Amino acid sequence: MSKALVSVRRFRHRSERGAATAEYAVSIVAACGLGGILIALLKSPAVTAMLKAIINYALKAAGMDGVQI
């Protein structure tokens, strides 16, 4: 292998050392943002009522009376 090719490979390897760490950081920030959005949605009265209706429908379909929550 020529010396020029070896030096190019070393340069490329050194320039990408923190790339994986930065990608993990971006993924964690995105996951936290998505989690915050989901919490805000689940706390809303409309979604809470919809979830209660789905649970009661499933309980009634299973032969139970349903639950008043």
N, C-alpha and C. Protein backbone atom coordinates (compact mmCIF):
# COMPACT_ATOMS: atom_id res chain seq x y z
N MET A 1 0.85 -1.18 0.00
CA MET A 1 0.00 0.00 0.00
C MET A 1 0.89 1.24 0.00
N SER A 2 0.49 2.23 -0.73
CA SER A 2 1.31 3.43 -0.80
C SER A 2 1.16 4.26 0.47
N LYS A 3 2.16 5.08 0.74
CA LYS A 3 2.13 5.92 1.94
C LYS A 3 1.01 6.95 1.88
N ALA A 4 0.68 7.44 0.70
CA ALA A 4 -0.39 8.43 0.56
C ALA A 4 -1.75 7.82 0.92
N LEU A 5 -1.99 6.60 0.50
CA LEU A 5 -3.25 5.94 0.80
C LEU A 5 -3.38 5.66 2.30
N VAL A 6 -2.30 5.26 2.93
CA VAL A 6 -2.31 5.01 4.37
C VAL A 6 -2.61 6.29 5.13
N SER A 7 -2.01 7.41 4.73
CA SER A 7 -2.24 8.67 5.43
C SER A 7 -3.67 9.16 5.23
N VAL A 8 -4.27 8.92 4.06
CA VAL A 8 -5.65 9.31 3.82
C VAL A 8 -6.58 8.50 4.71
N ARG A 9 -6.32 7.22 4.85
CA ARG A 9 -7.16 6.37 5.71
C ARG A 9 -7.05 6.80 7.17
N ARG A 10 -5.87 7.13 7.63
CA ARG A 10 -5.69 7.59 9.00
C ARG A 10 -6.44 8.90 9.23
N PHE A 11 -6.38 9.81 8.26
CA PHE A 11 -7.06 11.09 8.39
C PHE A 11 -8.57 10.90 8.46
N ARG A 12 -9.09 10.03 7.61
CA ARG A 12 -10.53 9.79 7.59
C ARG A 12 -10.98 9.16 8.91
N HIS A 13 -10.22 8.25 9.45
CA HIS A 13 -10.57 7.59 10.70
C HIS A 13 -10.57 8.59 11.86
N ARG A 14 -9.62 9.48 11.90
CA ARG A 14 -9.53 10.45 12.99
C ARG A 14 -10.67 11.47 12.93
N SER A 15 -11.12 11.84 11.75
CA SER A 15 -12.14 12.88 11.64
C SER A 15 -13.51 12.40 12.06
N GLU A 16 -13.74 11.08 12.15
CA GLU A 16 -15.04 10.54 12.49
C GLU A 16 -15.08 9.93 13.89
N ARG A 17 -14.15 10.26 14.73
CA ARG A 17 -14.09 9.65 16.06
C ARG A 17 -15.32 9.95 16.90
N GLY A 18 -15.83 11.17 16.92
CA GLY A 18 -16.97 11.52 17.75
C GLY A 18 -18.31 11.37 17.06
N ALA A 19 -18.33 10.81 15.86
CA ALA A 19 -19.58 10.72 15.11
C ALA A 19 -20.59 9.83 15.81
N ALA A 20 -20.17 8.70 16.33
CA ALA A 20 -21.10 7.79 16.99
C ALA A 20 -21.69 8.43 18.24
N THR A 21 -20.88 9.12 19.01
CA THR A 21 -21.36 9.77 20.22
C THR A 21 -22.38 10.85 19.88
N ALA A 22 -22.12 11.62 18.85
CA ALA A 22 -23.06 12.66 18.44
C ALA A 22 -24.38 12.05 17.95
N GLU A 23 -24.30 10.93 17.25
CA GLU A 23 -25.52 10.28 16.78
C GLU A 23 -26.34 9.76 17.96
N TYR A 24 -25.68 9.20 18.97
CA TYR A 24 -26.40 8.75 20.16
C TYR A 24 -27.05 9.93 20.87
N ALA A 25 -26.36 11.04 20.95
CA ALA A 25 -26.92 12.22 21.62
C ALA A 25 -28.16 12.72 20.88
N VAL A 26 -28.11 12.76 19.57
CA VAL A 26 -29.27 13.20 18.79
C VAL A 26 -30.43 12.23 18.98
N SER A 27 -30.14 10.94 19.01
CA SER A 27 -31.20 9.94 19.21
C SER A 27 -31.84 10.08 20.58
N ILE A 28 -31.04 10.33 21.60
CA ILE A 28 -31.58 10.49 22.96
C ILE A 28 -32.44 11.74 23.05
N VAL A 29 -32.01 12.82 22.46
CA VAL A 29 -32.81 14.06 22.48
C VAL A 29 -34.13 13.84 21.73
N ALA A 30 -34.09 13.14 20.61
CA ALA A 30 -35.31 12.87 19.86
C ALA A 30 -36.26 11.97 20.66
N ALA A 31 -35.72 10.97 21.34
CA ALA A 31 -36.56 10.08 22.14
C ALA A 31 -37.20 10.83 23.31
N CYS A 32 -36.44 11.72 23.94
CA CYS A 32 -37.00 12.51 25.04
C CYS A 32 -38.09 13.45 24.53
N GLY A 33 -37.89 14.04 23.38
CA GLY A 33 -38.91 14.91 22.81
C GLY A 33 -40.19 14.15 22.48
N LEU A 34 -40.04 12.97 21.90
CA LEU A 34 -41.20 12.14 21.59
C LEU A 34 -41.92 11.72 22.87
N GLY A 35 -41.15 11.37 23.89
CA GLY A 35 -41.75 11.01 25.17
C GLY A 35 -42.53 12.17 25.78
N GLY A 36 -42.00 13.37 25.69
CA GLY A 36 -42.71 14.54 26.20
C GLY A 36 -44.01 14.79 25.46
N ILE A 37 -43.98 14.61 24.16
CA ILE A 37 -45.21 14.79 23.36
C ILE A 37 -46.25 13.74 23.75
N LEU A 38 -45.82 12.49 23.92
CA LEU A 38 -46.75 11.43 24.31
C LEU A 38 -47.36 11.69 25.68
N ILE A 39 -46.57 12.16 26.62
CA ILE A 39 -47.09 12.47 27.95
C ILE A 39 -48.13 13.58 27.87
N ALA A 40 -47.82 14.62 27.09
CA ALA A 40 -48.77 15.72 26.95
C ALA A 40 -50.08 15.24 26.31
N LEU A 41 -49.98 14.36 25.32
CA LEU A 41 -51.19 13.84 24.68
C LEU A 41 -52.00 12.97 25.63
N LEU A 42 -51.33 12.11 26.38
CA LEU A 42 -52.05 11.21 27.28
C LEU A 42 -52.69 11.93 28.46
N LYS A 43 -52.21 13.11 28.79
CA LYS A 43 -52.80 13.88 29.88
C LYS A 43 -54.01 14.69 29.42
N SER A 44 -54.21 14.82 28.13
CA SER A 44 -55.32 15.61 27.63
C SER A 44 -56.65 14.90 27.90
N PRO A 45 -57.69 15.66 28.19
CA PRO A 45 -58.99 15.05 28.52
C PRO A 45 -59.58 14.23 27.36
N ALA A 46 -59.38 14.65 26.14
CA ALA A 46 -59.94 13.94 25.00
C ALA A 46 -59.34 12.54 24.87
N VAL A 47 -58.02 12.44 24.98
CA VAL A 47 -57.36 11.14 24.85
C VAL A 47 -57.69 10.25 26.04
N THR A 48 -57.76 10.84 27.24
CA THR A 48 -58.12 10.06 28.43
C THR A 48 -59.52 9.47 28.28
N ALA A 49 -60.47 10.26 27.81
CA ALA A 49 -61.83 9.77 27.61
C ALA A 49 -61.87 8.67 26.55
N MET A 50 -61.09 8.85 25.49
CA MET A 50 -61.05 7.84 24.43
C MET A 50 -60.48 6.52 24.96
N LEU A 51 -59.40 6.59 25.74
CA LEU A 51 -58.81 5.38 26.30
C LEU A 51 -59.78 4.67 27.25
N LYS A 52 -60.50 5.45 28.07
CA LYS A 52 -61.49 4.86 28.96
C LYS A 52 -62.59 4.18 28.17
N ALA A 53 -63.04 4.78 27.08
CA ALA A 53 -64.08 4.18 26.24
C ALA A 53 -63.60 2.89 25.61
N ILE A 54 -62.36 2.85 25.17
CA ILE A 54 -61.80 1.64 24.56
C ILE A 54 -61.71 0.51 25.60
N ILE A 55 -61.26 0.85 26.80
CA ILE A 55 -61.15 -0.15 27.86
C ILE A 55 -62.53 -0.68 28.23
N ASN A 56 -63.51 0.20 28.39
CA ASN A 56 -64.86 -0.24 28.72
C ASN A 56 -65.47 -1.10 27.60
N TYR A 57 -65.23 -0.74 26.35
CA TYR A 57 -65.73 -1.53 25.23
C TYR A 57 -65.13 -2.93 25.26
N ALA A 58 -63.82 -3.02 25.52
CA ALA A 58 -63.17 -4.33 25.57
C ALA A 58 -63.69 -5.16 26.73
N LEU A 59 -63.92 -4.53 27.87
CA LEU A 59 -64.46 -5.27 29.02
C LEU A 59 -65.88 -5.75 28.76
N LYS A 60 -66.69 -4.92 28.12
CA LYS A 60 -68.05 -5.33 27.79
C LYS A 60 -68.06 -6.46 26.76
N ALA A 61 -67.14 -6.42 25.81
CA ALA A 61 -67.04 -7.47 24.81
C ALA A 61 -66.61 -8.79 25.45
N ALA A 62 -65.87 -8.70 26.55
CA ALA A 62 -65.42 -9.90 27.26
C ALA A 62 -66.48 -10.43 28.22
N GLY A 63 -67.61 -9.72 28.34
CA GLY A 63 -68.69 -10.18 29.20
C GLY A 63 -68.72 -9.54 30.56
N MET A 64 -67.90 -8.55 30.79
CA MET A 64 -67.90 -7.85 32.08
C MET A 64 -68.71 -6.57 31.94
N ASP A 65 -69.02 -5.95 33.06
CA ASP A 65 -69.87 -4.76 33.04
C ASP A 65 -69.13 -3.50 32.63
N GLY A 66 -67.85 -3.51 32.66
CA GLY A 66 -67.09 -2.30 32.40
C GLY A 66 -66.76 -1.62 33.71
N VAL A 67 -65.93 -0.66 33.67
CA VAL A 67 -65.46 0.01 34.88
C VAL A 67 -65.72 1.49 34.74
N GLN A 68 -66.23 2.10 35.78
CA GLN A 68 -66.38 3.55 35.81
C GLN A 68 -65.13 4.16 36.43
N ILE A 69 -64.33 4.77 35.60
CA ILE A 69 -63.07 5.38 36.08
C ILE A 69 -63.22 6.88 36.03
